[in-house]
Amino acid sequence: IEVITGTERMEQLYQRLKKEFKRAGGNSIQTLSQVLALGG
């Protein structure tokens, strides 16, 4: 994965997911976005 592509995708996923999973906390949502970005 390219650096810019990967980090942008993580942030896009985070912004989409934080409304759905806000009770889980920012760190868990960030990890979730990393998992999904890694999985393409």
PDB file of all heavy atoms in Angstrom:
ATOM      1  N   ILE A   1       0.838  -1.197   0.000  1.00  0.00           N
ATOM      2  CA  ILE A   1       0.000   0.000   0.000  1.00  0.00           C
ATOM      3  C   ILE A   1       0.876   1.252   0.000  1.00  0.00           C
ATOM      4  O   ILE A   1       1.842   1.338   0.758  1.00  0.00           O
ATOM      5  CB  ILE A   1      -0.935  -0.004   1.233  1.00  0.00           C
ATOM      6  CG1 ILE A   1      -1.862  -1.225   1.191  1.00  0.00           C
ATOM      7  CG2 ILE A   1      -1.754   1.279   1.307  1.00  0.00           C
ATOM      8  CD1 ILE A   1      -2.670  -1.424   2.461  1.00  0.00           C
ATOM      9  N   GLU A   2       0.538   2.208  -0.855  1.00  0.00           N
ATOM     10  CA  GLU A   2       1.272   3.473  -0.879  1.00  0.00           C
ATOM     11  C   GLU A   2       0.937   4.304   0.364  1.00  0.00           C
ATOM     12  O   GLU A   2      -0.186   4.247   0.870  1.00  0.00           O
ATOM     13  CB  GLU A   2       0.911   4.277  -2.136  1.00  0.00           C
ATOM     14  CG  GLU A   2       1.399   3.642  -3.434  1.00  0.00           C
ATOM     15  CD  GLU A   2       2.912   3.581  -3.508  1.00  0.00           C
ATOM     16  OE1 GLU A   2       3.560   4.512  -2.973  1.00  0.00           O
ATOM     17  OE2 GLU A   2       3.449   2.615  -4.079  1.00  0.00           O
ATOM     18  N   VAL A   3       1.918   5.064   0.845  1.00  0.00           N
ATOM     19  CA  VAL A   3       1.762   5.797   2.109  1.00  0.00           C
ATOM     20  C   VAL A   3       0.588   6.772   2.052  1.00  0.00           C
ATOM     21  O   VAL A   3      -0.287   6.752   2.924  1.00  0.00           O
ATOM     22  CB  VAL A   3       3.063   6.548   2.474  1.00  0.00           C
ATOM     23  CG1 VAL A   3       2.833   7.418   3.715  1.00  0.00           C
ATOM     24  CG2 VAL A   3       4.195   5.553   2.727  1.00  0.00           C
ATOM     25  N   ILE A   4       0.561   7.621   1.031  1.00  0.00           N
ATOM     26  CA  ILE A   4      -0.506   8.631   0.955  1.00  0.00           C
ATOM     27  C   ILE A   4      -1.866   7.965   0.778  1.00  0.00           C
ATOM     28  O   ILE A   4      -2.843   8.314   1.463  1.00  0.00           O
ATOM     29  CB  ILE A   4      -0.237   9.624  -0.197  1.00  0.00           C
ATOM     30  CG1 ILE A   4       1.024  10.437   0.099  1.00  0.00           C
ATOM     31  CG2 ILE A   4      -1.431  10.544  -0.407  1.00  0.00           C
ATOM     32  CD1 ILE A   4       1.451  11.364  -1.014  1.00  0.00           C
ATOM     33  N   THR A   5      -1.923   6.968  -0.094  1.00  0.00           N
ATOM     34  CA  THR A   5      -3.186   6.250  -0.322  1.00  0.00           C
ATOM     35  C   THR A   5      -3.674   5.590   0.962  1.00  0.00           C
ATOM     36  O   THR A   5      -4.856   5.681   1.314  1.00  0.00           O
ATOM     37  CB  THR A   5      -3.000   5.170  -1.409  1.00  0.00           C
ATOM     38  OG1 THR A   5      -2.541   5.781  -2.609  1.00  0.00           O
ATOM     39  CG2 THR A   5      -4.307   4.431  -1.673  1.00  0.00           C
ATOM     40  N   GLY A   6      -2.755   4.928   1.654  1.00  0.00           N
ATOM     41  CA  GLY A   6      -3.127   4.207   2.873  1.00  0.00           C
ATOM     42  C   GLY A   6      -3.588   5.116   3.996  1.00  0.00           C
ATOM     43  O   GLY A   6      -4.609   4.847   4.642  1.00  0.00           O
ATOM     44  N   THR A   7      -2.851   6.185   4.250  1.00  0.00           N
ATOM     45  CA  THR A   7      -3.222   7.077   5.354  1.00  0.00           C
ATOM     46  C   THR A   7      -4.513   7.839   5.046  1.00  0.00           C
ATOM     47  O   THR A   7      -5.332   8.065   5.945  1.00  0.00           O
ATOM     48  CB  THR A   7      -2.078   8.072   5.666  1.00  0.00           C
ATOM     49  OG1 THR A   7      -1.674   8.737   4.461  1.00  0.00           O
ATOM     50  CG2 THR A   7      -0.888   7.348   6.268  1.00  0.00           C
ATOM     51  N   GLU A   8      -4.705   8.199   3.780  1.00  0.00           N
ATOM     52  CA  GLU A   8      -5.951   8.870   3.410  1.00  0.00           C
ATOM     53  C   GLU A   8      -7.138   7.935   3.559  1.00  0.00           C
ATOM     54  O   GLU A   8      -8.207   8.330   4.031  1.00  0.00           O
ATOM     55  CB  GLU A   8      -5.868   9.383   1.968  1.00  0.00           C
ATOM     56  CG  GLU A   8      -4.990  10.618   1.819  1.00  0.00           C
ATOM     57  CD  GLU A   8      -4.948  11.124   0.380  1.00  0.00           C
ATOM     58  OE1 GLU A   8      -5.459  10.393  -0.516  1.00  0.00           O
ATOM     59  OE2 GLU A   8      -4.405  12.224   0.157  1.00  0.00           O
ATOM     60  N   ARG A   9      -6.945   6.675   3.163  1.00  0.00           N
ATOM     61  CA  ARG A   9      -8.030   5.691   3.284  1.00  0.00           C
ATOM     62  C   ARG A   9      -8.372   5.452   4.753  1.00  0.00           C
ATOM     63  O   ARG A   9      -9.554   5.362   5.122  1.00  0.00           O
ATOM     64  CB  ARG A   9      -7.621   4.380   2.616  1.00  0.00           C
ATOM     65  CG  ARG A   9      -8.700   3.291   2.638  1.00  0.00           C
ATOM     66  CD  ARG A   9      -9.969   3.758   1.973  1.00  0.00           C
ATOM     67  NE  ARG A   9     -10.981   2.716   1.959  1.00  0.00           N
ATOM     68  CZ  ARG A   9     -12.284   2.942   1.900  1.00  0.00           C
ATOM     69  NH1 ARG A   9     -12.736   4.191   1.848  1.00  0.00           N
ATOM     70  NH2 ARG A   9     -13.141   1.956   1.884  1.00  0.00           N
ATOM     71  N   MET A  10      -7.355   5.358   5.606  1.00  0.00           N
ATOM     72  CA  MET A  10      -7.602   5.189   7.046  1.00  0.00           C
ATOM     73  C   MET A  10      -8.461   6.323   7.593  1.00  0.00           C
ATOM     74  O   MET A  10      -9.416   6.089   8.337  1.00  0.00           O
ATOM     75  CB  MET A  10      -6.269   5.154   7.810  1.00  0.00           C
ATOM     76  CG  MET A  10      -5.625   3.807   7.918  1.00  0.00           C
ATOM     77  SD  MET A  10      -4.135   3.916   8.937  1.00  0.00           S
ATOM     78  CE  MET A  10      -2.882   4.130   7.692  1.00  0.00           C
ATOM     79  N   GLU A  11      -8.103   7.539   7.233  1.00  0.00           N
ATOM     80  CA  GLU A  11      -8.818   8.698   7.750  1.00  0.00           C
ATOM     81  C   GLU A  11     -10.246   8.749   7.209  1.00  0.00           C
ATOM     82  O   GLU A  11     -11.189   9.081   7.949  1.00  0.00           O
ATOM     83  CB  GLU A  11      -8.070   9.983   7.400  1.00  0.00           C
ATOM     84  CG  GLU A  11      -8.668  11.248   8.016  1.00  0.00           C
ATOM     85  CD  GLU A  11      -8.714  11.241   9.534  1.00  0.00           C
ATOM     86  OE1 GLU A  11      -7.960  10.456  10.156  1.00  0.00           O
ATOM     87  OE2 GLU A  11      -9.507  12.026  10.103  1.00  0.00           O
ATOM     88  N   GLN A  12     -10.417   8.420   5.930  1.00  0.00           N
ATOM     89  CA  GLN A  12     -11.768   8.377   5.362  1.00  0.00           C
ATOM     90  C   GLN A  12     -12.635   7.360   6.090  1.00  0.00           C
ATOM     91  O   GLN A  12     -13.801   7.629   6.412  1.00  0.00           O
ATOM     92  CB  GLN A  12     -11.696   8.028   3.869  1.00  0.00           C
ATOM     93  CG  GLN A  12     -11.117   9.125   2.987  1.00  0.00           C
ATOM     94  CD  GLN A  12     -10.743   8.616   1.608  1.00  0.00           C
ATOM     95  OE1 GLN A  12     -10.918   7.442   1.288  1.00  0.00           O
ATOM     96  NE2 GLN A  12     -10.216   9.512   0.775  1.00  0.00           N
ATOM     97  N   LEU A  13     -12.063   6.192   6.349  1.00  0.00           N
ATOM     98  CA  LEU A  13     -12.797   5.145   7.067  1.00  0.00           C
ATOM     99  C   LEU A  13     -13.125   5.591   8.485  1.00  0.00           C
ATOM    100  O   LEU A  13     -14.237   5.369   8.976  1.00  0.00           O
ATOM    101  CB  LEU A  13     -11.970   3.848   7.094  1.00  0.00           C
ATOM    102  CG  LEU A  13     -11.924   3.068   5.781  1.00  0.00           C
ATOM    103  CD1 LEU A  13     -10.799   2.036   5.825  1.00  0.00           C
ATOM    104  CD2 LEU A  13     -13.256   2.379   5.516  1.00  0.00           C
ATOM    105  N   TYR A  14     -12.155   6.223   9.134  1.00  0.00           N
ATOM    106  CA  TYR A  14     -12.384   6.693  10.505  1.00  0.00           C
ATOM    107  C   TYR A  14     -13.559   7.669  10.550  1.00  0.00           C
ATOM    108  O   TYR A  14     -14.437   7.559  11.418  1.00  0.00           O
ATOM    109  CB  TYR A  14     -11.126   7.367  11.058  1.00  0.00           C
ATOM    110  CG  TYR A  14     -11.324   7.864  12.474  1.00  0.00           C
ATOM    111  CD1 TYR A  14     -11.111   7.016  13.556  1.00  0.00           C
ATOM    112  CD2 TYR A  14     -11.752   9.170  12.731  1.00  0.00           C
ATOM    113  CE1 TYR A  14     -11.315   7.457  14.858  1.00  0.00           C
ATOM    114  CE2 TYR A  14     -11.967   9.613  14.015  1.00  0.00           C
ATOM    115  CZ  TYR A  14     -11.742   8.752  15.073  1.00  0.00           C
ATOM    116  OH  TYR A  14     -11.966   9.196  16.365  1.00  0.00           O
ATOM    117  N   GLN A  15     -13.573   8.611   9.631  1.00  0.00           N
ATOM    118  CA  GLN A  15     -14.635   9.618   9.621  1.00  0.00           C
ATOM    119  C   GLN A  15     -16.001   8.985   9.361  1.00  0.00           C
ATOM    120  O   GLN A  15     -17.007   9.425   9.912  1.00  0.00           O
ATOM    121  CB  GLN A  15     -14.335  10.696   8.569  1.00  0.00           C
ATOM    122  CG  GLN A  15     -13.096  11.535   8.864  1.00  0.00           C
ATOM    123  CD  GLN A  15     -13.177  12.239  10.213  1.00  0.00           C
ATOM    124  OE1 GLN A  15     -14.242  12.646  10.673  1.00  0.00           O
ATOM    125  NE2 GLN A  15     -12.017  12.394  10.866  1.00  0.00           N
ATOM    126  N   ARG A  16     -16.029   7.939   8.530  1.00  0.00           N
ATOM    127  CA  ARG A  16     -17.294   7.255   8.258  1.00  0.00           C
ATOM    128  C   ARG A  16     -17.737   6.402   9.438  1.00  0.00           C
ATOM    129  O   ARG A  16     -18.934   6.276   9.705  1.00  0.00           O
ATOM    130  CB  ARG A  16     -17.153   6.363   7.021  1.00  0.00           C
ATOM    131  CG  ARG A  16     -17.144   7.133   5.709  1.00  0.00           C
ATOM    132  CD  ARG A  16     -17.453   6.224   4.547  1.00  0.00           C
ATOM    133  NE  ARG A  16     -18.781   5.613   4.679  1.00  0.00           N
ATOM    134  CZ  ARG A  16     -19.257   4.673   3.862  1.00  0.00           C
ATOM    135  NH1 ARG A  16     -18.523   4.250   2.862  1.00  0.00           N
ATOM    136  NH2 ARG A  16     -20.454   4.163   4.044  1.00  0.00           N
ATOM    137  N   LEU A  17     -16.784   5.808  10.134  1.00  0.00           N
ATOM    138  CA  LEU A  17     -17.108   4.842  11.184  1.00  0.00           C
ATOM    139  C   LEU A  17     -17.388   5.477  12.538  1.00  0.00           C
ATOM    140  O   LEU A  17     -18.079   4.881  13.366  1.00  0.00           O
ATOM    141  CB  LEU A  17     -15.952   3.839  11.333  1.00  0.00           C
ATOM    142  CG  LEU A  17     -15.733   2.898  10.152  1.00  0.00           C
ATOM    143  CD1 LEU A  17     -14.370   2.225  10.255  1.00  0.00           C
ATOM    144  CD2 LEU A  17     -16.841   1.847  10.075  1.00  0.00           C
ATOM    145  N   LYS A  18     -16.869   6.666  12.778  1.00  0.00           N
ATOM    146  CA  LYS A  18     -16.981   7.237  14.122  1.00  0.00           C
ATOM    147  C   LYS A  18     -18.425   7.519  14.517  1.00  0.00           C
ATOM    148  O   LYS A  18     -18.775   7.466  15.706  1.00  0.00           O
ATOM    149  CB  LYS A  18     -16.119   8.487  14.261  1.00  0.00           C
ATOM    150  CG  LYS A  18     -16.578   9.687  13.462  1.00  0.00           C
ATOM    151  CD  LYS A  18     -15.660  10.874  13.745  1.00  0.00           C
ATOM    152  CE  LYS A  18     -16.116  12.125  13.003  1.00  0.00           C
ATOM    153  NZ  LYS A  18     -15.245  13.285  13.311  1.00  0.00           N
ATOM    154  N   LYS A  19     -19.283   7.780  13.529  1.00  0.00           N
ATOM    155  CA  LYS A  19     -20.696   8.016  13.844  1.00  0.00           C
ATOM    156  C   LYS A  19     -21.404   6.716  14.210  1.00  0.00           C
ATOM    157  O   LYS A  19     -22.345   6.702  15.001  1.00  0.00           O
ATOM    158  CB  LYS A  19     -21.393   8.673  12.649  1.00  0.00           C
ATOM    159  CG  LYS A  19     -20.841  10.043  12.292  1.00  0.00           C
ATOM    160  CD  LYS A  19     -21.490  10.579  11.026  1.00  0.00           C
ATOM    161  CE  LYS A  19     -20.863  11.911  10.625  1.00  0.00           C
ATOM    162  NZ  LYS A  19     -21.421  12.426   9.350  1.00  0.00           N
ATOM    163  N   GLU A  20     -20.942   5.629  13.612  1.00  0.00           N
ATOM    164  CA  GLU A  20     -21.570   4.333  13.849  1.00  0.00           C
ATOM    165  C   GLU A  20     -21.133   3.693  15.163  1.00  0.00           C
ATOM    166  O   GLU A  20     -21.899   2.966  15.797  1.00  0.00           O
ATOM    167  CB  GLU A  20     -21.228   3.373  12.696  1.00  0.00           C
ATOM    168  CG  GLU A  20     -21.746   3.795  11.342  1.00  0.00           C
ATOM    169  CD  GLU A  20     -23.245   3.560  11.201  1.00  0.00           C
ATOM    170  OE1 GLU A  20     -23.804   2.816  12.020  1.00  0.00           O
ATOM    171  OE2 GLU A  20     -23.834   4.131  10.270  1.00  0.00           O
ATOM    172  N   PHE A  21     -19.877   3.955  15.558  1.00  0.00           N
ATOM    173  CA  PHE A  21     -19.311   3.230  16.700  1.00  0.00           C
ATOM    174  C   PHE A  21     -18.749   4.167  17.767  1.00  0.00           C
ATOM    175  O   PHE A  21     -17.772   3.826  18.443  1.00  0.00           O
ATOM    176  CB  PHE A  21     -18.198   2.288  16.213  1.00  0.00           C
ATOM    177  CG  PHE A  21     -18.659   1.254  15.225  1.00  0.00           C
ATOM    178  CD1 PHE A  21     -18.408   1.415  13.868  1.00  0.00           C
ATOM    179  CD2 PHE A  21     -19.341   0.129  15.647  1.00  0.00           C
ATOM    180  CE1 PHE A  21     -18.830   0.457  12.948  1.00  0.00           C
ATOM    181  CE2 PHE A  21     -19.761  -0.841  14.747  1.00  0.00           C
ATOM    182  CZ  PHE A  21     -19.502  -0.679  13.396  1.00  0.00           C
ATOM    183  N   LYS A  22     -19.341   5.323  17.933  1.00  0.00           N
ATOM    184  CA  LYS A  22     -18.766   6.331  18.831  1.00  0.00           C
ATOM    185  C   LYS A  22     -18.612   5.843  20.263  1.00  0.00           C
ATOM    186  O   LYS A  22     -17.722   6.291  20.986  1.00  0.00           O
ATOM    187  CB  LYS A  22     -19.592   7.614  18.792  1.00  0.00           C
ATOM    188  CG  LYS A  22     -21.056   7.462  19.125  1.00  0.00           C
ATOM    189  CD  LYS A  22     -21.784   8.789  18.925  1.00  0.00           C
ATOM    190  CE  LYS A  22     -23.280   8.649  19.175  1.00  0.00           C
ATOM    191  NZ  LYS A  22     -23.993   9.920  18.921  1.00  0.00           N
ATOM    192  N   ARG A  23     -19.465   4.923  20.709  1.00  0.00           N
ATOM    193  CA  ARG A  23     -19.363   4.431  22.085  1.00  0.00           C
ATOM    194  C   ARG A  23     -18.120   3.570  22.308  1.00  0.00           C
ATOM    195  O   ARG A  23     -17.708   3.374  23.447  1.00  0.00           O
ATOM    196  CB  ARG A  23     -20.609   3.633  22.450  1.00  0.00           C
ATOM    197  CG  ARG A  23     -21.863   4.494  22.590  1.00  0.00           C
ATOM    198  CD  ARG A  23     -23.011   3.691  23.131  1.00  0.00           C
ATOM    199  NE  ARG A  23     -24.198   4.504  23.308  1.00  0.00           N
ATOM    200  CZ  ARG A  23     -25.349   4.055  23.780  1.00  0.00           C
ATOM    201  NH1 ARG A  23     -25.461   2.773  24.133  1.00  0.00           N
ATOM    202  NH2 ARG A  23     -26.386   4.858  23.916  1.00  0.00           N
ATOM    203  N   ALA A  24     -17.550   3.045  21.244  1.00  0.00           N
ATOM    204  CA  ALA A  24     -16.364   2.193  21.380  1.00  0.00           C
ATOM    205  C   ALA A  24     -15.106   3.001  21.680  1.00  0.00           C
ATOM    206  O   ALA A  24     -14.127   2.469  22.205  1.00  0.00           O
ATOM    207  CB  ALA A  24     -16.150   1.372  20.114  1.00  0.00           C
ATOM    208  N   GLY A  25     -15.120   4.301  21.370  1.00  0.00           N
ATOM    209  CA  GLY A  25     -13.960   5.150  21.636  1.00  0.00           C
ATOM    210  C   GLY A  25     -13.081   5.336  20.408  1.00  0.00           C
ATOM    211  O   GLY A  25     -13.020   4.474  19.523  1.00  0.00           O
ATOM    212  N   GLY A  26     -12.410   6.480  20.370  1.00  0.00           N
ATOM    213  CA  GLY A  26     -11.603   6.855  19.213  1.00  0.00           C
ATOM    214  C   GLY A  26     -10.499   5.882  18.870  1.00  0.00           C
ATOM    215  O   GLY A  26     -10.249   5.595  17.692  1.00  0.00           O
ATOM    216  N   ASN A  27      -9.799   5.341  19.889  1.00  0.00           N
ATOM    217  CA  ASN A  27      -8.689   4.427  19.612  1.00  0.00           C
ATOM    218  C   ASN A  27      -9.162   3.142  18.942  1.00  0.00           C
ATOM    219  O   ASN A  27      -8.521   2.634  18.009  1.00  0.00           O
ATOM    220  CB  ASN A  27      -7.940   4.085  20.903  1.00  0.00           C
ATOM    221  CG  ASN A  27      -6.997   5.192  21.326  1.00  0.00           C
ATOM    222  OD1 ASN A  27      -6.660   6.068  20.528  1.00  0.00           O
ATOM    223  ND2 ASN A  27      -6.570   5.178  22.576  1.00  0.00           N
ATOM    224  N   SER A  28     -10.294   2.602  19.406  1.00  0.00           N
ATOM    225  CA  SER A  28     -10.817   1.374  18.807  1.00  0.00           C
ATOM    226  C   SER A  28     -11.302   1.622  17.383  1.00  0.00           C
ATOM    227  O   SER A  28     -11.121   0.778  16.503  1.00  0.00           O
ATOM    228  CB  SER A  28     -11.970   0.819  19.652  1.00  0.00           C
ATOM    229  OG  SER A  28     -11.483   0.287  20.859  1.00  0.00           O
ATOM    230  N   ILE A  29     -11.912   2.777  17.163  1.00  0.00           N
ATOM    231  CA  ILE A  29     -12.380   3.110  15.817  1.00  0.00           C
ATOM    232  C   ILE A  29     -11.185   3.294  14.886  1.00  0.00           C
ATOM    233  O   ILE A  29     -11.204   2.869  13.724  1.00  0.00           O
ATOM    234  CB  ILE A  29     -13.255   4.376  15.838  1.00  0.00           C
ATOM    235  CG1 ILE A  29     -14.502   4.144  16.702  1.00  0.00           C
ATOM    236  CG2 ILE A  29     -13.678   4.772  14.422  1.00  0.00           C
ATOM    237  CD1 ILE A  29     -15.292   5.403  17.003  1.00  0.00           C
ATOM    238  N   GLN A  30     -10.123   3.896  15.407  1.00  0.00           N
ATOM    239  CA  GLN A  30      -8.911   4.052  14.596  1.00  0.00           C
ATOM    240  C   GLN A  30      -8.343   2.691  14.220  1.00  0.00           C
ATOM    241  O   GLN A  30      -7.961   2.461  13.068  1.00  0.00           O
ATOM    242  CB  GLN A  30      -7.853   4.869  15.349  1.00  0.00           C
ATOM    243  CG  GLN A  30      -6.501   4.893  14.641  1.00  0.00           C
ATOM    244  CD  GLN A  30      -5.809   6.234  14.696  1.00  0.00           C
ATOM    245  OE1 GLN A  30      -6.425   7.268  14.498  1.00  0.00           O
ATOM    246  NE2 GLN A  30      -4.519   6.216  14.962  1.00  0.00           N
ATOM    247  N   THR A  31      -8.285   1.769  15.185  1.00  0.00           N
ATOM    248  CA  THR A  31      -7.773   0.425  14.890  1.00  0.00           C
ATOM    249  C   THR A  31      -8.654  -0.268  13.869  1.00  0.00           C
ATOM    250  O   THR A  31      -8.162  -0.944  12.966  1.00  0.00           O
ATOM    251  CB  THR A  31      -7.690  -0.418  16.172  1.00  0.00           C
ATOM    252  OG1 THR A  31      -6.881   0.254  17.136  1.00  0.00           O
ATOM    253  CG2 THR A  31      -7.069  -1.784  15.885  1.00  0.00           C
ATOM    254  N   LEU A  32      -9.973  -0.116  14.008  1.00  0.00           N
ATOM    255  CA  LEU A  32     -10.899  -0.699  13.032  1.00  0.00           C
ATOM    256  C   LEU A  32     -10.623  -0.151  11.636  1.00  0.00           C
ATOM    257  O   LEU A  32     -10.593  -0.907  10.656  1.00  0.00           O
ATOM    258  CB  LEU A  32     -12.342  -0.403  13.447  1.00  0.00           C
ATOM    259  CG  LEU A  32     -13.439  -0.828  12.456  1.00  0.00           C
ATOM    260  CD1 LEU A  32     -13.397  -2.337  12.224  1.00  0.00           C
ATOM    261  CD2 LEU A  32     -14.808  -0.402  12.969  1.00  0.00           C
ATOM    262  N   SER A  33     -10.401   1.155  11.534  1.00  0.00           N
ATOM    263  CA  SER A  33     -10.126   1.751  10.222  1.00  0.00           C
ATOM    264  C   SER A  33      -8.811   1.210   9.659  1.00  0.00           C
ATOM    265  O   SER A  33      -8.675   1.010   8.440  1.00  0.00           O
ATOM    266  CB  SER A  33     -10.084   3.276  10.324  1.00  0.00           C
ATOM    267  OG  SER A  33      -8.958   3.731  11.046  1.00  0.00           O
ATOM    268  N   GLN A  34      -7.833   0.935  10.518  1.00  0.00           N
ATOM    269  CA  GLN A  34      -6.561   0.367  10.081  1.00  0.00           C
ATOM    270  C   GLN A  34      -6.752  -1.058   9.569  1.00  0.00           C
ATOM    271  O   GLN A  34      -6.179  -1.452   8.548  1.00  0.00           O
ATOM    272  CB  GLN A  34      -5.557   0.404  11.242  1.00  0.00           C
ATOM    273  CG  GLN A  34      -5.112   1.813  11.614  1.00  0.00           C
ATOM    274  CD  GLN A  34      -4.425   1.874  12.969  1.00  0.00           C
ATOM    275  OE1 GLN A  34      -4.513   0.948  13.774  1.00  0.00           O
ATOM    276  NE2 GLN A  34      -3.750   2.989  13.244  1.00  0.00           N
ATOM    277  N   VAL A  35      -7.555  -1.840  10.289  1.00  0.00           N
ATOM    278  CA  VAL A  35      -7.844  -3.219   9.879  1.00  0.00           C
ATOM    279  C   VAL A  35      -8.473  -3.238   8.490  1.00  0.00           C
ATOM    280  O   VAL A  35      -8.059  -3.999   7.602  1.00  0.00           O
ATOM    281  CB  VAL A  35      -8.784  -3.901  10.896  1.00  0.00           C
ATOM    282  CG1 VAL A  35      -9.328  -5.222  10.336  1.00  0.00           C
ATOM    283  CG2 VAL A  35      -8.071  -4.158  12.213  1.00  0.00           C
ATOM    284  N   LEU A  36      -9.473  -2.390   8.281  1.00  0.00           N
ATOM    285  CA  LEU A  36     -10.187  -2.364   7.004  1.00  0.00           C
ATOM    286  C   LEU A  36      -9.306  -1.842   5.875  1.00  0.00           C
ATOM    287  O   LEU A  36      -9.351  -2.363   4.750  1.00  0.00           O
ATOM    288  CB  LEU A  36     -11.444  -1.500   7.131  1.00  0.00           C
ATOM    289  CG  LEU A  36     -12.501  -2.002   8.125  1.00  0.00           C
ATOM    290  CD1 LEU A  36     -13.651  -1.008   8.222  1.00  0.00           C
ATOM    291  CD2 LEU A  36     -13.017  -3.374   7.725  1.00  0.00           C
ATOM    292  N   ALA A  37      -8.494  -0.834   6.162  1.00  0.00           N
ATOM    293  CA  ALA A  37      -7.594  -0.299   5.136  1.00  0.00           C
ATOM    294  C   ALA A  37      -6.549  -1.336   4.734  1.00  0.00           C
ATOM    295  O   ALA A  37      -6.218  -1.482   3.554  1.00  0.00           O
ATOM    296  CB  ALA A  37      -6.915   0.972   5.634  1.00  0.00           C
ATOM    297  N   LEU A  38      -6.036  -2.077   5.703  1.00  0.00           N
ATOM    298  CA  LEU A  38      -5.071  -3.141   5.402  1.00  0.00           C
ATOM    299  C   LEU A  38      -5.708  -4.235   4.554  1.00  0.00           C
ATOM    300  O   LEU A  38      -5.062  -4.824   3.696  1.00  0.00           O
ATOM    301  CB  LEU A  38      -4.546  -3.765   6.702  1.00  0.00           C
ATOM    302  CG  LEU A  38      -3.295  -3.155   7.319  1.00  0.00           C
ATOM    303  CD1 LEU A  38      -3.040  -3.766   8.684  1.00  0.00           C
ATOM    304  CD2 LEU A  38      -2.080  -3.361   6.415  1.00  0.00           C
ATOM    305  N   GLY A  39      -6.979  -4.511   4.831  1.00  0.00           N
ATOM    306  CA  GLY A  39      -7.685  -5.544   4.083  1.00  0.00           C
ATOM    307  C   GLY A  39      -8.125  -5.094   2.705  1.00  0.00           C
ATOM    308  O   GLY A  39      -8.725  -5.876   1.952  1.00  0.00           O
ATOM    309  N   GLY A  40      -7.846  -3.836   2.343  1.00  0.00           N
ATOM    310  CA  GLY A  40      -8.198  -3.322   1.029  1.00  0.00           C
ATOM    311  C   GLY A  40      -9.688  -3.209   0.813  1.00  0.00           C
ATOM    312  O   GLY A  40     -10.201  -3.388  -0.294  1.00  0.00           O
TER     313      GLY A  40
END
